[in-house]
Amino acid sequence: LHATTNPLIRLLGPDTANARWYLIDILTSEGTKDPVALYGIYDDAYRKVDGQWLIERTHIDFLWPERTYLGPRIPL
């Protein structure tokens, strides 16, 4: 399961935007006793090209099981 929740999307101009998404990622496999869980934050930058919104840059910080959050990589 790879789920993103609680998006915060901001339009910065007619062709640019940024966003923050929270990640819940759970991996289970046959024969594995315990699932692996990850929690994190995506910071994305978007650009509109030929009328279509595209991801220009993405960055993820993991919060659990080991915290490595360094702060937003794009202005929020």
C-alpha atoms as a PDB file:
ATOM      1  CA  LEU A   1       0.000   0.000   0.000  1.00  0.00           C
ATOM      2  CA  HIS A   2       1.434   3.352  -1.048  1.00  0.00           C
ATOM      3  CA  ALA A   3      -0.970   6.141  -0.068  1.00  0.00           C
ATOM      4  CA  THR A   4      -0.568   9.898  -0.032  1.00  0.00           C
ATOM      5  CA  THR A   5      -2.902  12.010   2.066  1.00  0.00           C
ATOM      6  CA  ASN A   6      -3.723  15.572   3.096  1.00  0.00           C
ATOM      7  CA  PRO A   7      -2.393  17.397   0.019  1.00  0.00           C
ATOM      8  CA  LEU A   8      -1.546  21.059   0.378  1.00  0.00           C
ATOM      9  CA  ILE A   9      -1.274  22.474  -3.156  1.00  0.00           C
ATOM     10  CA  ARG A  10      -0.430  26.115  -3.809  1.00  0.00           C
ATOM     11  CA  LEU A  11      -0.562  27.894  -7.151  1.00  0.00           C
ATOM     12  CA  LEU A  12       2.441  30.211  -7.355  1.00  0.00           C
ATOM     13  CA  GLY A  13       1.653  31.587 -10.805  1.00  0.00           C
ATOM     14  CA  PRO A  14      -0.133  30.595 -14.009  1.00  0.00           C
ATOM     15  CA  ASP A  15       2.454  27.894 -14.784  1.00  0.00           C
ATOM     16  CA  THR A  16       3.962  26.948 -11.407  1.00  0.00           C
ATOM     17  CA  ALA A  17       2.753  25.318  -8.208  1.00  0.00           C
ATOM     18  CA  ASN A  18       4.097  23.398  -5.247  1.00  0.00           C
ATOM     19  CA  ALA A  19       2.625  20.816  -2.922  1.00  0.00           C
ATOM     20  CA  ARG A  20       3.160  18.811   0.225  1.00  0.00           C
ATOM     21  CA  TRP A  21       1.798  15.260   0.582  1.00  0.00           C
ATOM     22  CA  TYR A  22       1.986  12.916   3.553  1.00  0.00           C
ATOM     23  CA  LEU A  23       3.002   9.316   2.813  1.00  0.00           C
ATOM     24  CA  ILE A  24       1.843   6.067   4.362  1.00  0.00           C
ATOM     25  CA  ASP A  25       3.633   3.073   2.840  1.00  0.00           C
ATOM     26  CA  ILE A  26       3.073  -0.489   4.044  1.00  0.00           C
ATOM     27  CA  LEU A  27       4.778  -3.475   2.436  1.00  0.00           C
ATOM     28  CA  THR A  28       3.724  -7.041   3.099  1.00  0.00           C
ATOM     29  CA  SER A  29       5.021 -10.155   1.408  1.00  0.00           C
ATOM     30  CA  GLU A  30       4.122 -13.777   1.564  1.00  0.00           C
ATOM     31  CA  GLY A  31       6.141 -15.541   4.232  1.00  0.00           C
ATOM     32  CA  THR A  32       6.949 -12.297   6.087  1.00  0.00           C
ATOM     33  CA  LYS A  33       5.816 -12.251   9.689  1.00  0.00           C
ATOM     34  CA  ASP A  34       5.675  -8.450  10.112  1.00  0.00           C
ATOM     35  CA  PRO A  35       4.858  -5.793   7.520  1.00  0.00           C
ATOM     36  CA  VAL A  36       7.296  -2.974   6.811  1.00  0.00           C
ATOM     37  CA  ALA A  37       5.845   0.499   7.345  1.00  0.00           C
ATOM     38  CA  LEU A  38       7.224   3.865   6.276  1.00  0.00           C
ATOM     39  CA  TYR A  39       5.846   7.342   6.927  1.00  0.00           C
ATOM     40  CA  GLY A  40       7.102  10.472   5.227  1.00  0.00           C
ATOM     41  CA  ILE A  41       6.510  13.819   3.555  1.00  0.00           C
ATOM     42  CA  TYR A  42       6.721  14.595  -0.161  1.00  0.00           C
ATOM     43  CA  ASP A  43       7.542  18.163  -1.231  1.00  0.00           C
ATOM     44  CA  ASP A  44       6.827  18.613  -4.948  1.00  0.00           C
ATOM     45  CA  ALA A  45       7.261  21.406  -7.493  1.00  0.00           C
ATOM     46  CA  TYR A  46       5.029  21.462 -10.582  1.00  0.00           C
ATOM     47  CA  ARG A  47       5.235  23.274 -13.919  1.00  0.00           C
ATOM     48  CA  LYS A  48       2.556  23.595 -16.579  1.00  0.00           C
ATOM     49  CA  VAL A  49       3.913  22.634 -20.011  1.00  0.00           C
ATOM     50  CA  ASP A  50       1.707  22.788 -23.118  1.00  0.00           C
ATOM     51  CA  GLY A  51      -1.399  22.975 -20.915  1.00  0.00           C
ATOM     52  CA  GLN A  52      -0.481  19.916 -18.804  1.00  0.00           C
ATOM     53  CA  TRP A  53       0.739  19.970 -15.194  1.00  0.00           C
ATOM     54  CA  LEU A  54       3.976  17.983 -14.764  1.00  0.00           C
ATOM     55  CA  ILE A  55       6.136  17.192 -11.732  1.00  0.00           C
ATOM     56  CA  GLU A  56       9.261  19.299 -12.069  1.00  0.00           C
ATOM     57  CA  ARG A  57      10.915  18.121  -8.857  1.00  0.00           C
ATOM     58  CA  THR A  58      10.019  15.850  -5.961  1.00  0.00           C
ATOM     59  CA  HIS A  59      11.697  15.208  -2.640  1.00  0.00           C
ATOM     60  CA  ILE A  60      10.773  12.861   0.187  1.00  0.00           C
ATOM     61  CA  ASP A  61      11.780  12.961   3.833  1.00  0.00           C
ATOM     62  CA  PHE A  62      11.115   9.838   5.898  1.00  0.00           C
ATOM     63  CA  LEU A  63       9.696  10.370   9.390  1.00  0.00           C
ATOM     64  CA  TRP A  64       9.363   6.799  10.607  1.00  0.00           C
ATOM     65  CA  PRO A  65      10.833   4.306  11.397  1.00  0.00           C
ATOM     66  CA  GLU A  66      13.912   6.537  11.313  1.00  0.00           C
ATOM     67  CA  ARG A  67      13.443  10.292  11.288  1.00  0.00           C
ATOM     68  CA  THR A  68      15.446  12.084   8.590  1.00  0.00           C
ATOM     69  CA  TYR A  69      13.259  15.159   8.034  1.00  0.00           C
ATOM     70  CA  LEU A  70      15.346  18.168   7.014  1.00  0.00           C
ATOM     71  CA  GLY A  71      12.514  20.626   6.300  1.00  0.00           C
ATOM     72  CA  PRO A  72      10.716  21.653   3.113  1.00  0.00           C
ATOM     73  CA  ARG A  73      12.789  21.742  -0.055  1.00  0.00           C
ATOM     74  CA  ILE A  74      10.421  24.194  -1.713  1.00  0.00           C
ATOM     75  CA  PRO A  75       8.684  27.280  -0.301  1.00  0.00           C
ATOM     76  CA  LEU A  76       5.301  26.396   1.196  1.00  0.00           C
END
